[in-house]
Amino acid sequence: MGFYERRILPFMLNAAMKQKPIRYQRKKVVPHAEGRILEIGIGSGLNLSYYDPAKVEKVWGLDPSAELRVYAEQEAAQVPFDVEFIGLEAENIPLEDASMDTVLMTYTLCTIPDAVTALHGMRRVLKPGGKLIFCEHGQAPDESVRRWQDRINPIWKRIAGGCNLNRKIPELIEEGGFKVQDMDTMYIPGPRPMTFNYWGSAT
């Protein structure tokens, strides 16, 4: 891992994920998480302030970035529930089968190298009746925007920490063993190749 990945990228990601449209999206989904919660890609901990403390038993935050955890620990110190950090990739979830009530992921599925394997792991740790709550960006519905996503993606992926602009989010979730129960989509403010959002829940 070079200087860019260690020093510059974490700062850029933390700043980018604080933008107002993304904060608004977090407010739509995070309060629905409840019980024992596994947050995939907790990053710099920007979701923590949006949880409903009355619903939370404990949050396990999984992320491989030690650099982003510095920010996340600061956020965790401000919330009234327990947060435990797991410094591993999403493909390797060190939790027991059927042990979580909710799995939450926001703006994470775009960066996981083997997304389907990771989703199978999320399904494994969910209790029967548990929910996957998600908010992700991905492949746009407009052909002209999709063409730009495909053109930009190889460069974007290198500069944005492995983020892919053109992943088919609903298809990946279903391939990972989930059934999407409800989902909304829209372009949020910003450049269209980067801003088509999917959010909802799956079981």
Protein backbone atom coordinates (compact mmCIF):
# COMPACT_ATOMS: atom_id res chain seq x y z
CA MET A 1 0.00 0.00 0.00
CA GLY A 2 1.51 3.30 -1.11
CA PHE A 3 1.45 6.83 0.24
CA TYR A 4 -1.71 7.72 -1.73
CA GLU A 5 -3.68 4.78 -0.30
CA ARG A 6 -2.44 5.35 3.25
CA ARG A 7 -2.52 9.13 3.56
CA ILE A 8 -4.52 10.81 0.80
CA LEU A 9 -7.32 8.39 -0.09
CA PRO A 10 -8.75 7.97 3.47
CA PHE A 11 -8.98 11.76 3.85
CA MET A 12 -10.64 12.11 0.43
CA LEU A 13 -13.13 9.31 1.09
CA ASN A 14 -14.09 10.70 4.49
CA ALA A 15 -14.68 14.15 2.99
CA ALA A 16 -16.62 12.82 -0.01
CA MET A 17 -18.91 10.69 2.11
CA LYS A 18 -19.89 13.75 4.18
CA GLN A 19 -21.55 15.49 1.23
CA LYS A 20 -25.12 16.62 1.92
CA PRO A 21 -26.90 14.34 -0.61
CA ILE A 22 -25.13 11.29 0.82
CA ARG A 23 -25.94 12.33 4.38
CA TYR A 24 -29.58 12.60 3.35
CA GLN A 25 -29.48 9.07 1.93
CA ARG A 26 -28.00 7.73 5.18
CA LYS A 27 -30.89 9.28 7.12
CA LYS A 28 -33.33 7.29 4.99
CA VAL A 29 -31.92 3.85 5.77
CA VAL A 30 -29.73 3.71 8.88
CA PRO A 31 -32.51 4.30 11.46
CA HIS A 32 -34.23 1.09 10.29
CA ALA A 33 -31.35 -1.04 11.62
CA GLU A 34 -32.09 -2.75 14.93
CA GLY A 35 -30.84 -5.26 17.47
CA ARG A 36 -27.46 -6.82 16.88
CA ILE A 37 -26.15 -5.01 13.81
CA LEU A 38 -23.29 -5.82 11.48
CA GLU A 39 -22.24 -2.80 9.42
CA ILE A 40 -20.27 -3.82 6.36
CA GLY A 41 -17.74 -1.20 5.31
CA ILE A 42 -18.13 1.02 8.35
CA GLY A 43 -15.27 3.14 7.00
CA SER A 44 -14.94 6.38 8.92
CA GLY A 45 -18.07 5.70 10.98
CA LEU A 46 -20.33 8.25 9.33
CA ASN A 47 -23.45 6.11 9.81
CA LEU A 48 -23.08 5.89 13.57
CA SER A 49 -24.84 9.16 14.36
CA TYR A 50 -27.89 8.08 12.31
CA TYR A 51 -28.71 4.91 14.24
CA ASP A 52 -31.73 5.01 16.54
CA PRO A 53 -30.13 4.25 19.94
CA ALA A 54 -33.43 2.88 21.26
CA LYS A 55 -33.27 0.11 18.65
CA VAL A 56 -29.58 -0.78 18.89
CA GLU A 57 -28.17 -3.56 21.07
CA LYS A 58 -24.67 -3.42 19.59
CA VAL A 59 -22.94 -2.58 16.31
CA TRP A 60 -20.11 -4.61 14.81
CA GLY A 61 -18.29 -2.51 12.23
CA LEU A 62 -16.32 -4.41 9.60
CA ASP A 63 -13.73 -2.62 7.46
CA PRO A 64 -10.17 -3.45 6.34
CA SER A 65 -8.93 0.16 6.52
CA ALA A 66 -6.94 0.96 9.64
CA GLU A 67 -6.61 4.53 8.36
CA LEU A 68 -10.38 5.08 8.23
CA ARG A 69 -10.82 3.45 11.63
CA VAL A 70 -9.12 6.45 13.23
CA TYR A 71 -12.11 8.55 12.13
CA ALA A 72 -14.60 5.81 13.04
CA GLU A 73 -13.32 5.52 16.60
CA GLN A 74 -13.92 9.25 17.07
CA GLU A 75 -17.51 8.82 15.85
CA ALA A 76 -18.03 5.75 18.07
CA ALA A 77 -17.02 7.74 21.13
CA GLN A 78 -20.04 10.00 20.56
CA VAL A 79 -22.80 7.35 20.52
CA PRO A 80 -24.55 5.71 23.51
CA PHE A 81 -24.22 2.11 22.33
CA ASP A 82 -21.34 -0.34 22.03
CA VAL A 83 -19.38 -0.45 18.77
CA GLU A 84 -16.87 -3.21 18.08
CA PHE A 85 -14.54 -2.91 15.09
CA ILE A 86 -13.54 -5.85 12.92
CA GLY A 87 -10.54 -5.14 10.70
CA LEU A 88 -11.20 -7.63 7.93
CA GLU A 89 -12.54 -7.72 4.39
CA ALA A 90 -16.27 -8.31 3.84
CA GLU A 91 -15.50 -11.70 2.27
CA ASN A 92 -14.27 -12.88 5.70
CA ILE A 93 -16.87 -12.21 8.42
CA PRO A 94 -15.66 -13.66 11.75
CA LEU A 95 -19.10 -13.92 13.34
CA GLU A 96 -21.27 -16.93 14.17
CA ASP A 97 -24.05 -18.18 11.92
CA ALA A 98 -27.47 -16.61 12.52
CA SER A 99 -26.09 -14.15 15.09
CA MET A 100 -27.16 -10.76 13.66
CA ASP A 101 -30.57 -9.12 13.46
CA THR A 102 -29.54 -6.60 10.80
CA VAL A 103 -26.78 -6.23 8.25
CA LEU A 104 -26.28 -2.67 7.04
CA MET A 105 -24.21 -1.54 4.09
CA THR A 106 -24.04 1.94 2.58
CA TYR A 107 -21.83 2.82 -0.39
CA THR A 108 -19.84 -0.36 0.17
CA LEU A 109 -20.84 -3.00 -2.38
CA CYS A 110 -19.12 -1.00 -5.12
CA THR A 111 -15.68 -1.66 -3.60
CA ILE A 112 -15.82 -5.29 -2.42
CA PRO A 113 -13.70 -7.37 -4.83
CA ASP A 114 -15.85 -10.53 -4.53
CA ALA A 115 -19.25 -9.03 -3.80
CA VAL A 116 -21.23 -12.27 -4.15
CA THR A 117 -19.03 -14.17 -1.70
CA ALA A 118 -19.37 -11.27 0.74
CA LEU A 119 -23.16 -11.29 0.38
CA HIS A 120 -23.28 -15.03 1.05
CA GLY A 121 -21.37 -14.32 4.26
CA MET A 122 -23.85 -11.60 5.24
CA ARG A 123 -26.70 -14.04 4.67
CA ARG A 124 -24.92 -16.64 6.81
CA VAL A 125 -24.65 -14.36 9.86
CA LEU A 126 -28.23 -13.07 9.68
CA LYS A 127 -30.83 -14.64 11.94
CA PRO A 128 -33.94 -16.12 10.30
CA GLY A 129 -36.17 -13.14 9.60
CA GLY A 130 -33.24 -10.73 9.75
CA LYS A 131 -32.80 -7.96 7.20
CA LEU A 132 -30.12 -6.61 4.91
CA ILE A 133 -30.54 -2.83 4.70
CA PHE A 134 -28.66 -1.15 1.88
CA CYS A 135 -27.98 2.13 0.12
CA GLU A 136 -25.61 1.85 -2.82
CA HIS A 137 -24.68 3.59 -6.05
CA GLY A 138 -24.40 1.60 -9.25
CA GLN A 139 -25.38 1.07 -12.85
CA ALA A 140 -27.62 3.83 -14.17
CA PRO A 141 -30.85 3.15 -16.10
CA ASP A 142 -29.99 5.53 -18.95
CA GLU A 143 -27.89 4.09 -21.74
CA SER A 144 -25.95 7.32 -22.31
CA VAL A 145 -24.98 7.44 -18.61
CA ARG A 146 -24.08 3.74 -18.61
CA ARG A 147 -21.70 4.32 -21.50
CA TRP A 148 -19.93 7.01 -19.50
CA GLN A 149 -19.81 4.75 -16.44
CA ASP A 150 -18.14 2.02 -18.49
CA ARG A 151 -15.63 4.48 -19.98
CA ILE A 152 -14.71 6.10 -16.69
CA ASN A 153 -14.74 3.01 -14.48
CA PRO A 154 -11.19 1.69 -15.10
CA ILE A 155 -9.66 5.03 -14.10
CA TRP A 156 -12.18 5.76 -11.35
CA LYS A 157 -11.54 2.38 -9.76
CA ARG A 158 -7.82 3.16 -9.44
CA ILE A 159 -8.23 6.60 -7.89
CA ALA A 160 -11.28 5.86 -5.69
CA GLY A 161 -10.07 2.88 -3.67
CA GLY A 162 -11.53 0.14 -5.85
CA CYS A 163 -14.96 1.74 -6.27
CA ASN A 164 -16.91 0.54 -9.33
CA LEU A 165 -19.44 2.89 -10.92
CA ASN A 166 -21.36 0.31 -12.94
CA ARG A 167 -22.27 -2.59 -10.67
CA LYS A 168 -25.79 -4.03 -11.00
CA ILE A 169 -26.76 -3.73 -7.37
CA PRO A 170 -30.13 -5.57 -7.28
CA GLU A 171 -28.74 -8.47 -9.33
CA LEU A 172 -25.73 -8.81 -7.03
CA ILE A 173 -27.94 -8.83 -3.93
CA GLU A 174 -30.16 -11.53 -5.40
CA GLU A 175 -27.14 -13.56 -6.55
CA GLY A 176 -25.82 -13.35 -3.00
CA GLY A 177 -28.84 -15.26 -1.72
CA PHE A 178 -31.19 -12.43 -0.76
CA LYS A 179 -34.66 -11.44 -1.90
CA VAL A 180 -35.14 -7.70 -2.33
CA GLN A 181 -38.29 -6.73 -0.41
CA ASP A 182 -38.47 -3.04 -1.19
CA MET A 183 -36.23 -0.71 -3.16
CA ASP A 184 -36.19 2.88 -4.38
CA THR A 185 -33.88 4.39 -6.97
CA MET A 186 -32.94 7.88 -8.12
CA TYR A 187 -30.08 10.10 -9.19
CA ILE A 188 -28.92 12.13 -6.23
CA PRO A 189 -27.31 15.55 -6.89
CA GLY A 190 -23.92 15.31 -8.58
CA PRO A 191 -22.39 13.92 -11.79
CA ARG A 192 -24.77 11.29 -13.14
CA PRO A 193 -22.20 8.53 -13.73
CA MET A 194 -21.43 8.57 -9.98
CA THR A 195 -24.84 9.24 -8.46
CA PHE A 196 -27.49 6.68 -9.38
CA ASN A 197 -28.62 5.27 -6.02
CA TYR A 198 -30.45 2.12 -4.96
CA TRP A 199 -31.77 1.79 -1.40
CA GLY A 200 -34.07 -0.55 0.46
CA SER A 201 -34.07 -3.86 2.27
CA ALA A 202 -33.73 -7.57 1.50
CA THR A 203 -34.29 -10.80 3.38
